[in-house]
Amino acid sequence: MIEWPHLNSYTQKTLMNTLTILDGGMGRELKRIGAPFSQPQWSAQALIEAPHYVTQAHQNFIDAGAEIITVNSYACVPFHLGDTLYEQQGAALAKQAAMLAKDVAKKAQHKVSVAGSLPPPFGSYRPDLFQADRATDILQALLVAQDEHVDLWLAETIASMEEAKVFAHVLKDTSKPCYYAFTLSDDITETATLRSGESVVEAINAILLEKVDGIFFNCSVPEVIEQAIRDTKTVLNEHDKEITIGAFSNSFTPIPKNHQANLSVQGYRDLSPEEYLAFAKQWHSLGASIIGGCCGIQPSHIEALTKWSKE
């Protein structure tokens, strides 16, 4: 068993032959249950105007069986809040989001851990907009704001190796587990690639030099995750390493390279819980031991994963 002394024994169960259930897509769940939700503020709007919806969304995923819930801090960045509101309230909103998640987790009927979210500061899927120096300051502020209330860290939707290095720098001094979630090109190829065009093999080789407890793949169409896990396993075998692998895909249609996150609405596909479960079974058979969902993956999908995990 992987030993993390500051976590409870239930959270420590992430061995290769077990399965831990992560929550689903927070933003789209907020929209689904009627929370105030619009671009550019996205999931931060409910946090500002009606935080009880954030609590409800977390509870919906916990009721579906999620064992890890993710803090609703993904949109607490300048890209979504704008520079002025971010400077005024960004850190406070991230702290509030962490406190809400922790409070719901403590009241759950089963053991639930809280993952602090460190999102891309300048927009999802846009490595071309990344500014390393400014990103370091933003991510450090989000880490400090959430730290007291979270059990582990989830660096989300990493689109390039440059982004991964900045996340690693920010996380280098934490004693909590650090999971790095890469977003993939939605093109099905023989070798998995990040949104930047860099290969997963390159990215994993680079991140293994840092403090890393897990490698995840998120916010990509489910079809491309299989190859990414295969490539990751190849690299880990070459280094004789065993670390946690996770997956939480979206239910978007493929995202083009020129996607403008705040200027366009991404198309959805009708991905049923049964269809998503089929992908999850495949990922688990390849070595993924933490599985949940990203944008558009609802509590019904998480419930299907939970039922299967208990069979």
Protein backbone atom coordinates (compact mmCIF):
# COMPACT_ATOMS: atom_id res chain seq x y z
CA MET A 1 0.00 0.00 0.00
CA ILE A 2 1.15 3.52 -0.77
CA GLU A 3 1.69 5.20 2.58
CA TRP A 4 0.61 8.83 2.97
CA PRO A 5 0.67 9.34 6.76
CA HIS A 6 -1.50 12.46 6.78
CA LEU A 7 -4.34 10.71 4.89
CA ASN A 8 -6.82 8.23 6.29
CA SER A 9 -6.38 4.55 5.47
CA TYR A 10 -9.32 4.64 3.08
CA THR A 11 -7.66 7.28 0.92
CA GLN A 12 -4.44 5.26 0.91
CA LYS A 13 -6.01 2.34 -0.93
CA THR A 14 -4.94 3.42 -4.43
CA LEU A 15 -2.98 0.34 -5.44
CA MET A 16 -2.86 -0.90 -9.00
CA ASN A 17 -5.50 -3.59 -8.38
CA THR A 18 -8.05 -1.32 -6.69
CA LEU A 19 -10.30 1.41 -7.93
CA THR A 20 -11.05 4.78 -6.36
CA ILE A 21 -13.97 6.79 -7.72
CA LEU A 22 -13.38 10.46 -8.52
CA ASP A 23 -16.25 12.91 -9.01
CA GLY A 24 -17.51 14.21 -12.35
CA GLY A 25 -17.67 17.55 -14.14
CA MET A 26 -18.43 20.28 -11.62
CA GLY A 27 -19.20 23.14 -14.01
CA ARG A 28 -21.73 21.27 -16.11
CA GLU A 29 -23.31 19.74 -13.01
CA LEU A 30 -23.87 23.24 -11.63
CA LYS A 31 -25.54 24.20 -14.89
CA ARG A 32 -27.63 21.02 -14.90
CA ILE A 33 -29.06 21.64 -11.42
CA GLY A 34 -29.99 25.24 -12.21
CA ALA A 35 -27.13 27.22 -10.67
CA PRO A 36 -26.29 30.63 -12.15
CA PHE A 37 -23.90 29.74 -14.96
CA SER A 38 -22.60 31.75 -17.91
CA GLN A 39 -19.37 32.61 -19.66
CA PRO A 40 -16.88 33.89 -18.81
CA GLN A 41 -17.28 33.22 -15.07
CA TRP A 42 -18.45 29.64 -15.64
CA SER A 43 -18.35 27.58 -12.40
CA ALA A 44 -17.19 30.59 -10.36
CA GLN A 45 -20.54 32.31 -10.89
CA ALA A 46 -22.35 29.94 -8.53
CA LEU A 47 -19.56 30.36 -6.00
CA ILE A 48 -20.12 34.13 -6.08
CA GLU A 49 -23.90 34.31 -6.33
CA ALA A 50 -25.32 31.07 -4.92
CA PRO A 51 -22.74 28.86 -3.15
CA HIS A 52 -25.41 26.46 -1.89
CA TYR A 53 -25.49 25.09 -5.44
CA VAL A 54 -21.80 24.23 -5.13
CA THR A 55 -22.57 22.26 -1.98
CA GLN A 56 -25.44 20.52 -3.76
CA ALA A 57 -23.28 19.57 -6.74
CA HIS A 58 -20.62 18.06 -4.46
CA GLN A 59 -23.33 16.18 -2.59
CA ASN A 60 -24.77 14.80 -5.82
CA PHE A 61 -21.42 13.24 -6.71
CA ILE A 62 -20.89 11.91 -3.20
CA ASP A 63 -24.37 10.36 -3.26
CA ALA A 64 -23.37 8.71 -6.53
CA GLY A 65 -20.37 7.14 -4.78
CA ALA A 66 -17.48 9.53 -5.37
CA GLU A 67 -14.61 8.94 -2.94
CA ILE A 68 -12.69 12.04 -4.05
CA ILE A 69 -14.35 15.38 -4.74
CA THR A 70 -12.57 18.27 -6.41
CA VAL A 71 -12.66 21.84 -5.09
CA ASN A 72 -14.67 24.19 -7.31
CA SER A 73 -11.72 26.54 -7.83
CA TYR A 74 -11.14 25.81 -11.52
CA ALA A 75 -12.57 29.17 -12.60
CA CYS A 76 -10.96 31.25 -9.82
CA VAL A 77 -8.41 32.59 -12.29
CA PRO A 78 -8.10 35.77 -14.38
CA PHE A 79 -9.19 33.94 -17.53
CA HIS A 80 -12.67 33.46 -16.06
CA LEU A 81 -12.96 36.21 -13.44
CA GLY A 82 -11.14 38.94 -15.33
CA ASP A 83 -8.07 40.65 -13.94
CA THR A 84 -9.89 43.06 -11.63
CA LEU A 85 -12.22 40.55 -9.97
CA TYR A 86 -9.40 38.03 -9.71
CA GLU A 87 -7.19 40.52 -7.87
CA GLN A 88 -10.06 41.46 -5.56
CA GLN A 89 -11.58 38.04 -4.84
CA GLY A 90 -9.72 35.21 -6.59
CA ALA A 91 -7.93 33.80 -3.54
CA ALA A 92 -10.91 34.34 -1.24
CA LEU A 93 -13.21 32.51 -3.66
CA ALA A 94 -10.77 29.59 -3.92
CA LYS A 95 -10.62 29.37 -0.13
CA GLN A 96 -14.40 29.47 0.09
CA ALA A 97 -14.63 26.70 -2.51
CA ALA A 98 -12.19 24.53 -0.54
CA MET A 99 -14.11 25.08 2.68
CA LEU A 100 -17.39 24.12 1.00
CA ALA A 101 -15.88 20.91 -0.36
CA LYS A 102 -14.32 19.97 2.97
CA ASP A 103 -17.57 20.59 4.83
CA VAL A 104 -19.52 18.33 2.48
CA ALA A 105 -16.83 15.63 2.63
CA LYS A 106 -16.82 15.61 6.45
CA LYS A 107 -20.58 15.01 6.52
CA ALA A 108 -20.56 12.17 3.98
CA GLN A 109 -21.76 8.70 4.92
CA HIS A 110 -18.58 7.18 3.44
CA LYS A 111 -14.98 8.38 3.52
CA VAL A 112 -14.39 11.18 1.03
CA SER A 113 -11.11 12.98 0.31
CA VAL A 114 -10.86 16.51 -1.08
CA ALA A 115 -8.65 17.32 -4.04
CA GLY A 116 -7.44 20.89 -4.33
CA SER A 117 -7.76 22.08 -7.92
CA LEU A 118 -4.93 23.90 -9.67
CA PRO A 119 -6.32 24.85 -13.10
CA PRO A 120 -4.75 26.33 -16.23
CA PRO A 121 -4.62 30.07 -15.42
CA PHE A 122 -5.04 31.27 -19.01
CA GLY A 123 -7.66 28.98 -20.46
CA SER A 124 -8.13 25.29 -21.08
CA TYR A 125 -6.55 23.70 -24.19
CA ARG A 126 -4.54 26.85 -24.97
CA PRO A 127 -0.83 26.26 -24.35
CA ASP A 128 -0.14 29.16 -26.72
CA LEU A 129 -1.58 31.59 -24.15
CA PHE A 130 0.53 30.32 -21.26
CA GLN A 131 2.69 32.83 -19.36
CA ALA A 132 5.03 30.97 -17.01
CA ASP A 133 5.96 33.80 -14.64
CA ARG A 134 2.42 35.06 -14.12
CA ALA A 135 1.08 31.50 -13.91
CA THR A 136 3.44 30.74 -11.04
CA ASP A 137 2.02 33.62 -8.98
CA ILE A 138 -1.59 32.66 -9.73
CA LEU A 139 -1.13 28.98 -8.94
CA GLN A 140 0.80 29.74 -5.77
CA ALA A 141 -2.05 31.95 -4.57
CA LEU A 142 -4.59 29.20 -5.29
CA LEU A 143 -2.46 26.64 -3.45
CA VAL A 144 -2.17 28.79 -0.34
CA ALA A 145 -5.90 29.55 -0.40
CA GLN A 146 -6.94 25.89 -0.51
CA ASP A 147 -4.16 24.15 1.37
CA GLU A 148 -5.70 24.01 4.85
CA HIS A 149 -8.82 22.27 3.58
CA VAL A 150 -7.58 19.70 1.05
CA ASP A 151 -6.06 16.22 1.26
CA LEU A 152 -4.28 16.08 -2.09
CA TRP A 153 -3.53 18.20 -5.14
CA LEU A 154 -4.86 17.84 -8.67
CA ALA A 155 -3.09 19.90 -11.31
CA GLU A 156 -5.73 19.89 -14.01
CA THR A 157 -5.91 20.07 -17.79
CA ILE A 158 -2.15 20.46 -18.38
CA ALA A 159 -1.73 21.11 -22.09
CA SER A 160 2.07 21.33 -22.46
CA MET A 161 5.34 20.36 -20.86
CA GLU A 162 6.00 24.02 -20.03
CA GLU A 163 2.75 24.13 -18.04
CA ALA A 164 3.66 20.88 -16.26
CA LYS A 165 7.01 22.30 -15.15
CA VAL A 166 5.33 25.36 -13.62
CA PHE A 167 2.80 23.21 -11.78
CA ALA A 168 5.66 21.07 -10.47
CA HIS A 169 7.54 24.16 -9.26
CA VAL A 170 4.49 25.37 -7.35
CA LEU A 171 3.91 21.94 -5.79
CA LYS A 172 7.54 21.14 -4.94
CA ASP A 173 7.30 21.92 -1.22
CA THR A 174 3.93 20.38 -0.37
CA SER A 175 3.77 17.20 1.69
CA LYS A 176 0.45 16.21 0.13
CA PRO A 177 0.08 13.81 -2.81
CA CYS A 178 0.38 15.52 -6.18
CA TYR A 179 -1.52 14.27 -9.21
CA TYR A 180 -0.84 15.75 -12.66
CA ALA A 181 -3.71 15.56 -15.17
CA PHE A 182 -2.80 16.09 -18.83
CA THR A 183 -5.29 17.01 -21.53
CA LEU A 184 -4.78 15.22 -24.82
CA SER A 185 -5.22 16.00 -28.46
CA ASP A 186 -8.58 14.54 -29.51
CA ASP A 187 -7.04 13.03 -32.64
CA ILE A 188 -6.66 9.26 -32.41
CA THR A 189 -3.06 8.40 -33.28
CA GLU A 190 -0.55 5.63 -32.63
CA THR A 191 1.22 7.84 -30.09
CA ALA A 192 -0.79 9.99 -27.66
CA THR A 193 -0.04 13.71 -27.68
CA LEU A 194 -0.83 16.70 -25.50
CA ARG A 195 -2.77 19.69 -26.84
CA SER A 196 0.62 21.29 -27.48
CA GLY A 197 1.56 18.52 -29.90
CA GLU A 198 4.22 17.17 -27.53
CA SER A 199 4.06 13.43 -26.95
CA VAL A 200 2.79 11.86 -23.75
CA VAL A 201 6.03 9.88 -23.62
CA GLU A 202 8.03 13.13 -23.51
CA ALA A 203 5.74 14.62 -20.89
CA ILE A 204 5.84 11.60 -18.58
CA ASN A 205 9.62 11.31 -18.83
CA ALA A 206 9.86 14.98 -17.82
CA ILE A 207 7.34 14.89 -14.97
CA LEU A 208 8.99 11.84 -13.39
CA LEU A 209 11.88 14.13 -12.49
CA GLU A 210 9.51 16.07 -10.22
CA LYS A 211 7.44 15.29 -7.13
CA VAL A 212 4.69 13.18 -8.64
CA ASP A 213 2.33 10.69 -7.01
CA GLY A 214 0.02 10.17 -9.95
CA ILE A 215 -0.40 10.77 -13.67
CA PHE A 216 -3.93 11.38 -14.93
CA PHE A 217 -5.54 12.22 -18.27
CA ASN A 218 -8.54 14.54 -18.31
CA CYS A 219 -10.85 16.71 -20.39
CA SER A 220 -10.25 14.79 -23.60
CA VAL A 221 -12.58 12.53 -25.56
CA PRO A 222 -12.56 9.05 -23.98
CA GLU A 223 -11.29 7.38 -27.15
CA VAL A 224 -7.78 8.89 -26.83
CA ILE A 225 -7.13 7.97 -23.21
CA GLU A 226 -6.39 4.29 -23.86
CA GLN A 227 -3.26 5.08 -25.88
CA ALA A 228 -2.13 7.66 -23.33
CA ILE A 229 -2.30 5.06 -20.55
CA ARG A 230 -0.42 2.56 -22.70
CA ASP A 231 2.31 5.11 -23.41
CA THR A 232 2.50 6.00 -19.71
CA LYS A 233 2.85 2.36 -18.69
CA THR A 234 5.67 1.94 -21.20
CA VAL A 235 7.58 4.86 -19.67
CA LEU A 236 6.94 3.69 -16.10
CA ASN A 237 8.16 0.19 -16.95
CA GLU A 238 11.32 1.64 -18.48
CA HIS A 239 11.96 3.54 -15.24
CA ASP A 240 10.84 0.61 -13.07
CA LYS A 241 8.27 2.85 -11.37
CA GLU A 242 4.76 2.19 -10.13
CA ILE A 243 2.70 5.29 -9.50
CA THR A 244 -1.03 5.94 -9.62
CA ILE A 245 -2.64 6.35 -13.04
CA GLY A 246 -6.04 8.04 -13.35
CA ALA A 247 -8.52 9.11 -16.00
CA PHE A 248 -11.47 11.47 -16.17
CA SER A 249 -12.57 12.29 -19.69
CA ASN A 250 -15.23 14.68 -20.94
CA SER A 251 -18.36 14.15 -23.06
CA PHE A 252 -17.48 16.88 -25.55
CA THR A 253 -17.23 16.45 -29.25
CA PRO A 254 -13.54 16.68 -30.34
CA ILE A 255 -12.04 20.07 -29.50
CA PRO A 256 -10.28 21.83 -32.41
CA LYS A 257 -6.81 23.30 -32.04
CA ASN A 258 -8.15 26.86 -32.45
CA HIS A 259 -10.82 26.47 -29.73
CA GLN A 260 -11.69 29.74 -27.94
CA ALA A 261 -12.92 28.66 -24.51
CA ASN A 262 -14.76 31.83 -23.49
CA LEU A 263 -15.91 32.77 -26.98
CA SER A 264 -17.60 29.59 -28.15
CA VAL A 265 -19.77 26.82 -26.76
CA GLN A 266 -18.25 23.38 -27.08
CA GLY A 267 -20.50 20.73 -28.57
CA TYR A 268 -21.72 17.79 -26.49
CA ARG A 269 -22.26 14.17 -27.35
CA ASP A 270 -24.85 11.90 -25.79
CA LEU A 271 -22.50 9.64 -23.89
CA SER A 272 -24.57 7.32 -21.69
CA PRO A 273 -23.40 5.98 -18.31
CA GLU A 274 -23.13 2.52 -19.88
CA GLU A 275 -20.96 3.80 -22.72
CA TYR A 276 -18.73 5.68 -20.30
CA LEU A 277 -18.43 2.63 -18.09
CA ALA A 278 -17.17 0.60 -21.06
CA PHE A 279 -14.31 3.08 -21.51
CA ALA A 280 -13.61 3.06 -17.76
CA LYS A 281 -13.35 -0.73 -17.71
CA GLN A 282 -10.79 -0.53 -20.48
CA TRP A 283 -8.75 2.12 -18.63
CA HIS A 284 -8.84 0.10 -15.43
CA SER A 285 -7.68 -3.05 -17.22
CA LEU A 286 -4.66 -1.08 -18.45
CA GLY A 287 -3.76 0.12 -14.94
CA ALA A 288 -5.88 3.17 -14.10
CA SER A 289 -6.79 3.03 -10.41
CA ILE A 290 -8.59 6.38 -10.02
CA ILE A 291 -11.43 7.05 -12.46
CA GLY A 292 -14.05 9.78 -12.60
CA GLY A 293 -15.27 12.29 -15.14
CA CYS A 294 -14.72 15.79 -16.46
CA CYS A 295 -17.04 18.18 -18.33
CA GLY A 296 -20.46 16.67 -18.93
CA ILE A 297 -19.92 13.53 -16.86
CA GLN A 298 -22.83 13.54 -14.44
CA PRO A 299 -23.64 11.79 -11.15
CA SER A 300 -25.42 9.08 -13.18
CA HIS A 301 -22.10 8.21 -14.84
CA ILE A 302 -20.32 8.19 -11.48
CA GLU A 303 -23.04 5.96 -10.03
CA ALA A 304 -22.45 3.44 -12.82
CA LEU A 305 -18.71 3.44 -12.01
CA THR A 306 -19.47 2.96 -8.31
CA LYS A 307 -21.77 0.01 -8.87
CA TRP A 308 -19.21 -1.67 -11.08
CA SER A 309 -16.38 -1.04 -8.60
CA LYS A 310 -18.34 -2.89 -5.92
CA GLU A 311 -19.09 -5.97 -8.03
